[in-house]
């Protein structure tokens, strides 16, 4: 069986066209431990702005409204225009944006858009299996030195290389957030953030020669401050006809943005 093309826009357009009903990956939108983590992160967030990436048709977008003072603090973004248009028609009080999170051009445009509305940067990113889907995408061909980079990088001879999509995502999310911001990632993988934490150079995705050519090490941008297992098992009322099922756990990663500054060249 061929694996789904999670990295292709056409896959998501087709999926949302065939099934426009609300759908939540991995966990229900109202899962108590996850909502508790969101509330906790919001209570100490350096900015009230929330970036909900890969929102799809998740009811989480609407659940978030009860956690903020103003729905205009919520920005729902997705690769496919279909759930974005549906969400906007259902509740236009929040912000809805179709965007390829791996496109530097679109991220720079988005940064300019939200800056017009006096947003310094996002204080919280919510990511329910979006990093999982992006991890399935092809490597991104980029020009080095990269357009979003550390301050004071010297101009060097240009070259191109392939970068793992999770690394591009981490860099782009860092560019859109303020120091101290949190990035909550719910993943089916127990090693989704190994490129930030592993001591094994092979797990880091970005080699030293690429860093030397003008790409910022994502480990300078994000620190994984917490990992916890979340049960994905549904609770079933009654005990007479319950079939024993294995307990499935997903992982909730809490990442914190460092104060390492990024600029656009």
Protein backbone atom coordinates (compact mmCIF):
# COMPACT_ATOMS: atom_id res chain seq x y z
CA UNK A 1 0.00 0.00 0.00
CA UNK A 2 1.33 3.43 -0.98
CA UNK A 3 1.80 5.85 1.92
CA UNK A 4 -0.37 9.01 1.85
CA UNK A 5 1.33 12.03 0.30
CA UNK A 6 1.14 14.20 3.41
CA UNK A 7 3.66 16.62 1.94
CA UNK A 8 1.56 17.34 -1.15
CA UNK A 9 -1.03 20.11 -1.25
CA UNK A 10 -3.16 18.07 -3.65
CA UNK A 11 -3.51 15.33 -1.02
CA UNK A 12 -5.01 17.76 1.51
CA UNK A 13 -7.25 19.49 -1.03
CA UNK A 14 -8.66 16.12 -2.05
CA UNK A 15 -9.04 14.94 1.54
CA UNK A 16 -10.91 18.05 2.69
CA UNK A 17 -13.08 18.04 -0.43
CA UNK A 18 -14.14 14.43 0.09
CA UNK A 19 -14.58 14.80 3.84
CA UNK A 20 -15.32 18.36 5.01
CA UNK A 21 -16.55 17.15 8.43
CA UNK A 22 -14.64 18.25 11.55
CA UNK A 23 -11.68 15.98 12.22
CA UNK A 24 -8.98 15.99 14.89
CA UNK A 25 -5.67 14.18 14.54
CA UNK A 26 -4.35 12.04 17.39
CA UNK A 27 -6.38 13.66 20.20
CA UNK A 28 -9.84 15.20 20.58
CA UNK A 29 -9.76 18.99 20.62
CA UNK A 30 -11.15 18.92 24.17
CA UNK A 31 -8.56 16.47 25.52
CA UNK A 32 -8.04 17.74 29.07
CA UNK A 33 -4.24 17.29 29.39
CA UNK A 34 -3.64 19.05 26.08
CA UNK A 35 -5.95 21.95 26.91
CA UNK A 36 -4.28 22.25 30.31
CA UNK A 37 -0.90 22.63 28.58
CA UNK A 38 -2.33 25.29 26.27
CA UNK A 39 -3.80 27.22 29.21
CA UNK A 40 -0.55 26.96 31.16
CA UNK A 41 1.49 28.18 28.19
CA UNK A 42 -0.89 31.08 27.60
CA UNK A 43 -0.66 32.16 31.21
CA UNK A 44 3.04 32.91 30.82
CA UNK A 45 3.17 33.71 27.11
CA UNK A 46 5.20 36.81 26.18
CA UNK A 47 2.57 37.64 23.55
CA UNK A 48 -1.16 36.93 23.45
CA UNK A 49 -1.04 35.98 19.77
CA UNK A 50 -1.64 32.28 18.97
CA UNK A 51 -0.53 30.61 15.74
CA UNK A 52 -2.49 27.41 15.13
CA UNK A 53 -0.64 25.65 12.31
CA UNK A 54 -2.21 22.93 10.18
CA UNK A 55 -5.60 23.78 11.64
CA UNK A 56 -7.51 21.76 9.04
CA UNK A 57 -11.10 21.13 10.11
CA UNK A 58 -10.17 20.62 13.75
CA UNK A 59 -12.67 21.93 16.29
CA UNK A 60 -9.64 23.08 18.29
CA UNK A 61 -9.75 26.40 16.40
CA UNK A 62 -13.12 27.15 17.98
CA UNK A 63 -12.16 25.73 21.37
CA UNK A 64 -9.30 28.20 21.52
CA UNK A 65 -11.74 31.11 21.49
CA UNK A 66 -12.75 30.33 25.06
CA UNK A 67 -9.12 30.68 26.17
CA UNK A 68 -8.33 34.14 24.83
CA UNK A 69 -9.55 37.66 25.51
CA UNK A 70 -10.04 38.41 21.85
CA UNK A 71 -10.58 35.98 18.93
CA UNK A 72 -8.42 38.28 16.81
CA UNK A 73 -5.47 36.91 18.79
CA UNK A 74 -5.93 33.56 17.01
CA UNK A 75 -4.38 32.90 13.60
CA UNK A 76 -5.44 29.62 11.99
CA UNK A 77 -3.28 28.58 9.04
CA UNK A 78 -3.34 25.57 6.74
CA UNK A 79 -1.70 24.29 3.57
CA UNK A 80 -5.12 23.83 1.91
CA UNK A 81 -7.48 26.69 1.16
CA UNK A 82 -10.54 24.49 1.64
CA UNK A 83 -10.63 24.28 5.47
CA UNK A 84 -9.48 27.92 5.68
CA UNK A 85 -12.41 29.14 3.59
CA UNK A 86 -14.79 26.88 5.55
CA UNK A 87 -13.45 28.13 8.89
CA UNK A 88 -13.67 31.76 7.84
CA UNK A 89 -17.28 31.33 6.72
CA UNK A 90 -18.14 29.65 10.02
CA UNK A 91 -16.43 32.21 12.26
CA UNK A 92 -14.82 35.29 10.78
CA UNK A 93 -13.89 36.74 14.16
CA UNK A 94 -10.63 34.76 14.06
CA UNK A 95 -7.86 35.11 11.47
CA UNK A 96 -7.64 32.48 8.72
CA UNK A 97 -4.75 32.16 6.29
CA UNK A 98 -3.76 29.68 3.59
CA UNK A 99 0.00 29.23 3.76
CA UNK A 100 2.82 26.86 2.90
CA UNK A 101 4.86 26.85 6.11
CA UNK A 102 7.93 25.67 4.19
CA UNK A 103 7.88 28.64 1.83
CA UNK A 104 10.20 31.43 2.96
CA UNK A 105 8.45 33.84 0.61
CA UNK A 106 5.05 33.14 2.17
CA UNK A 107 6.41 33.25 5.72
CA UNK A 108 8.04 36.64 5.07
CA UNK A 109 4.78 37.93 3.57
CA UNK A 110 2.84 36.62 6.57
CA UNK A 111 5.27 38.27 8.99
CA UNK A 112 4.68 41.57 7.24
CA UNK A 113 0.92 41.06 7.33
CA UNK A 114 0.68 40.44 11.06
CA UNK A 115 3.21 43.18 11.83
CA UNK A 116 0.85 45.69 10.25
CA UNK A 117 -1.62 44.73 12.97
CA UNK A 118 0.93 45.57 15.69
CA UNK A 119 1.79 41.96 16.42
CA UNK A 120 5.39 41.79 17.68
CA UNK A 121 5.35 38.05 17.18
CA UNK A 122 3.46 35.00 18.31
CA UNK A 123 3.63 33.87 21.91
CA UNK A 124 2.26 30.38 21.33
CA UNK A 125 2.29 27.92 18.43
CA UNK A 126 -0.17 25.02 18.55
CA UNK A 127 0.70 22.05 16.39
CA UNK A 128 -1.41 18.89 16.49
CA UNK A 129 0.46 16.44 14.21
CA UNK A 130 1.38 19.11 11.66
CA UNK A 131 5.08 18.50 12.28
CA UNK A 132 4.34 14.82 11.65
CA UNK A 133 2.83 15.59 8.25
CA UNK A 134 5.61 18.00 7.31
CA UNK A 135 8.21 15.40 8.26
CA UNK A 136 6.80 13.33 5.39
CA UNK A 137 7.46 16.08 2.85
CA UNK A 138 10.45 16.14 0.52
CA UNK A 139 13.58 18.03 1.50
CA UNK A 140 13.41 21.73 0.67
CA UNK A 141 15.86 23.10 -1.89
CA UNK A 142 17.19 26.39 -0.53
CA UNK A 143 19.77 28.97 -1.46
CA UNK A 144 22.51 29.68 1.05
CA UNK A 145 23.06 31.95 2.85
CA UNK A 146 19.39 31.48 3.71
CA UNK A 147 17.04 34.44 3.44
CA UNK A 148 16.07 34.13 7.13
CA UNK A 149 19.25 34.00 9.13
CA UNK A 150 21.22 35.22 12.12
CA UNK A 151 21.94 38.90 12.45
CA UNK A 152 25.31 39.99 11.08
CA UNK A 153 25.90 37.03 8.74
CA UNK A 154 28.54 37.92 6.16
CA UNK A 155 27.59 37.74 2.52
CA UNK A 156 29.15 34.66 0.97
CA UNK A 157 29.16 33.03 -2.41
CA UNK A 158 25.71 31.58 -3.03
CA UNK A 159 25.05 27.86 -3.23
CA UNK A 160 22.03 25.57 -3.04
CA UNK A 161 21.37 22.57 -0.87
CA UNK A 162 18.58 20.32 0.40
CA UNK A 163 17.29 20.87 3.94
CA UNK A 164 15.05 18.54 5.95
CA UNK A 165 11.49 20.02 6.12
CA UNK A 166 11.35 19.94 9.93
CA UNK A 167 14.44 22.13 10.11
CA UNK A 168 12.86 24.65 7.73
CA UNK A 169 9.68 24.59 9.82
CA UNK A 170 11.63 25.19 13.04
CA UNK A 171 13.46 28.15 11.52
CA UNK A 172 10.29 29.70 10.11
CA UNK A 173 8.38 29.26 13.37
CA UNK A 174 11.27 30.87 15.26
CA UNK A 175 11.15 33.85 12.90
CA UNK A 176 7.44 34.35 13.63
CA UNK A 177 7.70 34.12 17.43
CA UNK A 178 9.09 36.23 20.25
CA UNK A 179 11.68 35.09 22.81
CA UNK A 180 10.07 32.90 25.46
CA UNK A 181 7.26 31.76 23.16
CA UNK A 182 6.12 28.14 23.42
CA UNK A 183 5.56 25.65 20.62
CA UNK A 184 3.30 22.77 21.63
CA UNK A 185 3.73 19.77 19.33
CA UNK A 186 1.48 16.74 19.64
CA UNK A 187 3.10 13.88 17.72
CA UNK A 188 2.66 10.15 17.25
CA UNK A 189 6.46 9.91 17.31
CA UNK A 190 8.66 9.60 20.38
CA UNK A 191 11.59 11.03 18.42
CA UNK A 192 9.99 13.93 16.53
CA UNK A 193 12.28 16.50 18.16
CA UNK A 194 15.46 14.44 18.11
CA UNK A 195 16.98 16.91 15.65
CA UNK A 196 16.96 19.40 18.54
CA UNK A 197 17.98 17.11 21.39
CA UNK A 198 20.05 14.18 20.14
CA UNK A 199 23.79 14.03 20.76
CA UNK A 200 24.14 11.90 17.63
CA UNK A 201 25.23 14.13 14.72
CA UNK A 202 23.26 11.92 12.30
CA UNK A 203 20.01 12.92 14.03
CA UNK A 204 20.54 16.65 13.63
CA UNK A 205 19.58 16.84 9.93
CA UNK A 206 21.81 19.88 9.31
CA UNK A 207 25.48 19.18 8.74
CA UNK A 208 28.28 21.50 9.83
CA UNK A 209 29.18 22.49 6.28
CA UNK A 210 25.61 23.72 5.69
CA UNK A 211 25.74 25.78 8.88
CA UNK A 212 29.02 27.30 7.76
CA UNK A 213 27.46 28.28 4.43
CA UNK A 214 24.81 30.43 6.11
CA UNK A 215 22.04 28.33 7.63
CA UNK A 216 21.11 28.80 11.29
CA UNK A 217 21.34 25.79 13.58
CA UNK A 218 17.77 25.12 14.86
CA UNK A 219 19.21 24.10 18.24
CA UNK A 220 20.06 27.78 18.76
CA UNK A 221 16.40 28.71 18.29
CA UNK A 222 14.39 26.15 20.26
CA UNK A 223 14.87 24.23 23.50
CA UNK A 224 12.74 21.17 24.28
CA UNK A 225 11.77 21.85 27.88
CA UNK A 226 9.25 19.06 28.36
CA UNK A 227 8.11 15.75 26.87
CA UNK A 228 5.06 13.92 28.15
CA UNK A 229 2.93 11.02 27.03
CA UNK A 230 -0.73 11.64 26.30
CA UNK A 231 -3.15 8.75 26.19
CA UNK A 232 -5.05 8.46 22.93
CA UNK A 233 -7.31 5.70 24.26
CA UNK A 234 -10.99 6.52 24.18
CA UNK A 235 -12.91 6.10 27.40
CA UNK A 236 -15.84 3.72 27.03
CA UNK A 237 -18.74 3.78 29.45
CA UNK A 238 -19.82 0.40 30.87
CA UNK A 239 -17.71 -2.70 31.28
CA UNK A 240 -19.86 -5.60 30.04
CA UNK A 241 -18.99 -5.48 26.35
CA UNK A 242 -15.64 -3.70 26.34
CA UNK A 243 -12.91 -5.40 24.38
CA UNK A 244 -9.45 -4.88 25.82
CA UNK A 245 -7.35 -2.63 23.63
CA UNK A 246 -3.72 -1.62 23.91
CA UNK A 247 -3.13 1.82 25.39
CA UNK A 248 -1.84 4.15 22.70
CA UNK A 249 0.22 7.12 23.79
CA UNK A 250 1.27 10.10 21.78
CA UNK A 251 3.90 12.63 22.80
CA UNK A 252 3.40 16.26 23.69
CA UNK A 253 6.57 18.29 23.24
CA UNK A 254 6.86 21.75 24.75
CA UNK A 255 9.48 23.85 22.99
CA UNK A 256 10.59 27.28 24.15
CA UNK A 257 11.93 29.99 21.86
CA UNK A 258 15.37 31.26 22.79
CA UNK A 259 16.41 34.90 22.48
CA UNK A 260 18.58 34.17 19.43
CA UNK A 261 17.68 36.86 16.92
CA UNK A 262 16.73 36.14 13.31
CA UNK A 263 16.45 38.67 10.50
CA UNK A 264 15.44 38.60 6.85
CA UNK A 265 18.23 39.40 4.41
